N, C-alpha and C. Protein backbone atom coordinates (compact mmCIF):
# COMPACT_ATOMS: atom_id res chain seq x y z
N MET A 1 13.47 -31.94 1.47
CA MET A 1 12.08 -31.50 1.37
C MET A 1 12.05 -31.52 0.03
N LEU A 2 10.82 -31.22 -0.27
CA LEU A 2 10.02 -31.55 -1.38
C LEU A 2 9.48 -31.04 -2.13
N LEU A 3 9.29 -30.05 -2.93
CA LEU A 3 8.56 -29.03 -3.31
C LEU A 3 7.53 -28.84 -4.40
N LEU A 4 6.48 -29.52 -3.67
CA LEU A 4 4.72 -29.78 -4.03
C LEU A 4 4.67 -28.34 -5.70
N THR A 5 4.28 -27.50 -4.88
CA THR A 5 3.76 -26.39 -5.55
C THR A 5 4.67 -25.35 -6.19
N ASP A 6 4.88 -24.23 -6.59
CA ASP A 6 5.40 -23.48 -7.12
C ASP A 6 4.11 -22.44 -7.14
N ARG A 7 4.00 -21.68 -6.15
CA ARG A 7 3.24 -20.69 -6.40
C ARG A 7 3.80 -18.99 -6.09
N ALA A 8 4.79 -18.94 -6.60
CA ALA A 8 5.74 -17.22 -7.20
C ALA A 8 5.25 -16.80 -8.54
N GLN A 9 5.20 -17.58 -8.97
CA GLN A 9 4.39 -16.88 -10.37
C GLN A 9 2.61 -16.28 -10.11
N ASP A 10 1.94 -16.91 -9.84
CA ASP A 10 0.77 -16.74 -8.88
C ASP A 10 0.91 -15.43 -8.09
N LEU A 11 1.76 -15.25 -7.16
CA LEU A 11 1.97 -14.42 -6.01
C LEU A 11 2.60 -13.27 -6.76
N ASP A 12 3.64 -13.41 -7.68
CA ASP A 12 3.87 -12.17 -8.92
C ASP A 12 2.97 -11.55 -9.33
N ALA A 13 2.24 -12.39 -9.90
CA ALA A 13 0.77 -11.95 -11.19
C ALA A 13 -0.14 -11.03 -10.08
N SER A 14 -0.10 -11.57 -8.44
CA SER A 14 -0.96 -11.15 -7.87
C SER A 14 -0.09 -9.45 -7.40
N LEU A 15 0.91 -9.36 -7.32
CA LEU A 15 1.53 -8.49 -6.86
C LEU A 15 1.39 -7.18 -8.04
N LYS A 16 1.22 -7.79 -8.80
CA LYS A 16 1.47 -6.57 -10.45
C LYS A 16 -0.24 -6.15 -10.35
N GLY A 17 -0.98 -6.81 -10.61
CA GLY A 17 -2.38 -6.73 -10.44
C GLY A 17 -2.63 -5.70 -9.08
N LEU A 18 -1.81 -5.56 -8.19
CA LEU A 18 -2.14 -4.81 -6.83
C LEU A 18 -1.99 -3.45 -7.56
N VAL A 19 -0.62 -3.79 -7.76
CA VAL A 19 -0.02 -2.17 -8.07
C VAL A 19 -0.85 -1.65 -9.53
N ARG A 20 -1.27 -2.26 -10.38
CA ARG A 20 -1.79 -1.53 -11.54
C ARG A 20 -3.07 -1.33 -10.70
N GLU A 21 -3.51 -1.65 -10.25
CA GLU A 21 -5.14 -1.45 -9.41
C GLU A 21 -4.61 0.00 -8.18
N GLY A 22 -3.43 -0.21 -7.98
CA GLY A 22 -3.45 1.23 -7.03
C GLY A 22 -2.89 2.56 -8.13
N LEU A 23 -2.20 1.98 -8.91
CA LEU A 23 -2.16 3.62 -9.84
C LEU A 23 -3.42 3.99 -10.34
N LEU A 24 -3.99 2.65 -11.06
CA LEU A 24 -5.36 3.21 -11.29
C LEU A 24 -6.47 4.04 -10.89
N GLY A 25 -6.61 3.86 -9.48
CA GLY A 25 -7.52 4.48 -8.19
C GLY A 25 -6.81 5.84 -8.13
N CYS A 26 -5.29 5.98 -7.79
CA CYS A 26 -4.68 7.49 -7.82
C CYS A 26 -5.36 8.31 -9.25
N VAL A 27 -4.78 7.97 -10.43
CA VAL A 27 -5.05 8.49 -11.50
C VAL A 27 -6.87 8.67 -11.66
N PHE A 28 -7.41 7.75 -11.26
CA PHE A 28 -9.11 8.25 -11.02
C PHE A 28 -9.75 9.01 -10.51
N SER A 29 -9.05 9.05 -9.10
CA SER A 29 -9.48 9.78 -7.97
C SER A 29 -8.68 11.31 -8.32
N MET A 30 -7.88 11.80 -9.24
CA MET A 30 -7.07 13.02 -9.55
C MET A 30 -7.86 13.39 -10.82
N LEU A 31 -8.14 12.28 -11.24
CA LEU A 31 -9.00 12.81 -12.25
C LEU A 31 -10.85 13.78 -11.78
N CYS A 32 -11.51 12.89 -10.68
CA CYS A 32 -12.57 13.14 -10.12
C CYS A 32 -12.14 14.94 -9.46
N VAL A 33 -11.01 14.59 -8.53
CA VAL A 33 -10.49 16.19 -8.33
C VAL A 33 -10.70 17.51 -8.87
N LEU A 34 -10.16 16.79 -10.06
CA LEU A 34 -9.78 17.65 -11.17
C LEU A 34 -11.12 17.88 -11.51
N PHE A 35 -12.32 16.93 -12.50
CA PHE A 35 -13.67 17.66 -12.81
C PHE A 35 -14.68 18.26 -11.50
N PHE A 36 -14.30 18.07 -10.25
CA PHE A 36 -15.39 18.77 -9.39
C PHE A 36 -14.82 19.95 -8.39
N PHE A 37 -13.00 20.13 -8.81
CA PHE A 37 -12.92 21.59 -7.91
C PHE A 37 -12.27 22.26 -9.33
N ARG A 38 -12.11 21.69 -10.57
CA ARG A 38 -11.84 22.57 -11.74
C ARG A 38 -10.24 22.93 -11.09
N ASN A 39 -9.50 22.58 -10.67
CA ASN A 39 -8.23 23.55 -9.81
C ASN A 39 -7.31 22.58 -10.17
N VAL A 40 -6.30 23.01 -10.84
CA VAL A 40 -5.02 21.58 -11.37
C VAL A 40 -4.14 21.85 -9.87
N ARG A 41 -4.44 23.09 -8.87
CA ARG A 41 -3.29 23.09 -8.14
C ARG A 41 -3.48 22.31 -6.99
N SER A 42 -5.36 22.08 -6.65
CA SER A 42 -5.66 21.20 -6.26
C SER A 42 -5.30 19.70 -6.11
N THR A 43 -5.73 19.56 -7.41
CA THR A 43 -5.43 18.08 -8.12
C THR A 43 -3.94 17.88 -8.10
N LEU A 44 -3.21 18.58 -8.10
CA LEU A 44 -1.65 18.17 -7.81
C LEU A 44 -1.73 18.35 -6.14
N LEU A 45 -1.56 18.05 -5.52
CA LEU A 45 -1.94 18.14 -3.87
C LEU A 45 -2.25 17.15 -3.71
N ILE A 46 -3.34 17.01 -4.17
CA ILE A 46 -3.88 15.44 -3.83
C ILE A 46 -3.02 14.44 -4.55
N ALA A 47 -1.96 14.42 -5.71
CA ALA A 47 -1.83 13.41 -6.12
C ALA A 47 -0.42 12.90 -5.37
N VAL A 48 0.41 13.89 -4.59
CA VAL A 48 1.27 14.34 -4.05
C VAL A 48 0.69 13.33 -2.18
N THR A 49 -0.19 14.05 -1.97
CA THR A 49 -0.53 13.39 -0.46
C THR A 49 -1.23 12.58 -0.53
N ILE A 50 -1.97 11.64 -1.56
CA ILE A 50 -2.48 10.23 -1.50
C ILE A 50 -1.03 9.26 -1.45
N PRO A 51 0.12 8.84 -2.29
CA PRO A 51 1.07 8.29 -1.59
C PRO A 51 1.44 8.43 -1.05
N ILE A 52 1.88 10.00 -0.37
CA ILE A 52 2.41 9.87 1.06
C ILE A 52 1.73 9.35 2.46
N SER A 53 0.70 9.69 2.40
CA SER A 53 -0.32 8.58 3.47
C SER A 53 -0.42 6.98 3.29
N LEU A 54 -0.37 6.90 1.66
CA LEU A 54 -0.19 5.45 1.58
C LEU A 54 0.84 5.14 2.30
N LEU A 55 2.10 5.20 1.97
CA LEU A 55 3.46 4.86 2.34
C LEU A 55 3.13 5.08 3.78
N ALA A 56 3.07 6.49 4.41
CA ALA A 56 3.17 6.99 6.12
C ALA A 56 2.74 5.46 6.96
N THR A 57 1.19 5.11 6.62
CA THR A 57 0.69 4.27 7.45
C THR A 57 0.61 2.76 6.88
N THR A 58 1.61 2.12 5.60
CA THR A 58 2.30 0.91 5.71
C THR A 58 3.86 0.95 6.86
N GLN A 59 4.09 1.94 6.79
CA GLN A 59 5.50 2.15 7.23
C GLN A 59 4.94 2.23 8.69
N ASN A 60 3.98 2.00 9.26
CA ASN A 60 3.60 2.17 10.90
C ASN A 60 3.24 1.07 11.19
N ASN A 61 2.81 0.24 10.27
CA ASN A 61 1.85 -0.93 10.69
C ASN A 61 2.95 -1.65 10.48
N ILE A 62 4.51 -1.61 9.61
CA ILE A 62 5.29 -2.60 9.31
C ILE A 62 5.92 -2.16 10.77
N TYR A 63 6.43 -0.95 11.46
CA TYR A 63 7.14 -1.06 12.45
C TYR A 63 5.90 -0.97 13.98
N ARG A 64 4.79 -0.67 13.60
CA ARG A 64 4.05 -1.06 15.12
C ARG A 64 3.83 -3.03 15.03
N ALA A 65 3.90 -3.74 14.08
CA ALA A 65 3.97 -5.21 13.90
C ALA A 65 5.39 -5.88 14.51
N PHE A 66 6.45 -4.77 13.98
CA PHE A 66 8.21 -5.70 14.32
C PHE A 66 7.43 -5.26 16.17
N GLN A 67 6.88 -4.52 16.28
CA GLN A 67 6.97 -4.33 18.25
C GLN A 67 6.26 -4.60 18.64
N LYS A 68 5.46 -5.54 18.04
CA LYS A 68 4.34 -6.63 18.84
C LYS A 68 5.33 -8.06 18.63
N ASN A 69 5.61 -7.97 17.82
CA ASN A 69 6.86 -9.41 17.56
C ASN A 69 7.85 -9.67 18.38
N ALA A 70 8.37 -8.44 19.04
CA ALA A 70 9.49 -8.33 19.46
C ALA A 70 8.94 -8.31 20.64
N TYR A 71 7.81 -7.66 20.99
CA TYR A 71 7.44 -7.82 22.69
C TYR A 71 7.09 -9.43 22.79
N ILE A 72 6.33 -10.13 22.05
CA ILE A 72 6.09 -11.38 22.32
C ILE A 72 7.14 -11.97 22.50
N LEU A 73 8.29 -12.35 21.80
CA LEU A 73 9.70 -12.89 21.58
C LEU A 73 10.17 -12.84 22.73
N PHE A 74 10.47 -11.42 22.99
CA PHE A 74 10.86 -11.39 24.79
C PHE A 74 10.05 -11.45 25.92
N ASN A 75 9.05 -11.33 26.22
CA ASN A 75 8.12 -11.54 27.22
C ASN A 75 7.34 -12.82 27.16
N GLY A 76 7.29 -13.07 25.61
CA GLY A 76 6.56 -14.47 26.19
C GLY A 76 5.31 -14.50 26.12
N THR A 77 4.17 -13.16 25.62
CA THR A 77 3.13 -13.26 26.62
C THR A 77 2.74 -12.05 24.97
N HIS A 78 1.16 -11.98 25.34
CA HIS A 78 0.61 -11.38 24.16
C HIS A 78 0.19 -9.49 24.67
């Protein structure tokens, strides 16, 4: 097997950019909530619930994709 191109560095840079933009989005959403509600408690609640909901959604999508792949593998149909 001959390796023509190595895209690992591009992929690594892309993932780092995705994480950076996600963190910036979280910070800016917290600042907006703090600006509009002027309540630190509401801001902290949003700061905790946004990452939890994103992780739960990601886990659910991974689990559903695994179920679909297993179903296709064992049944042979979509």
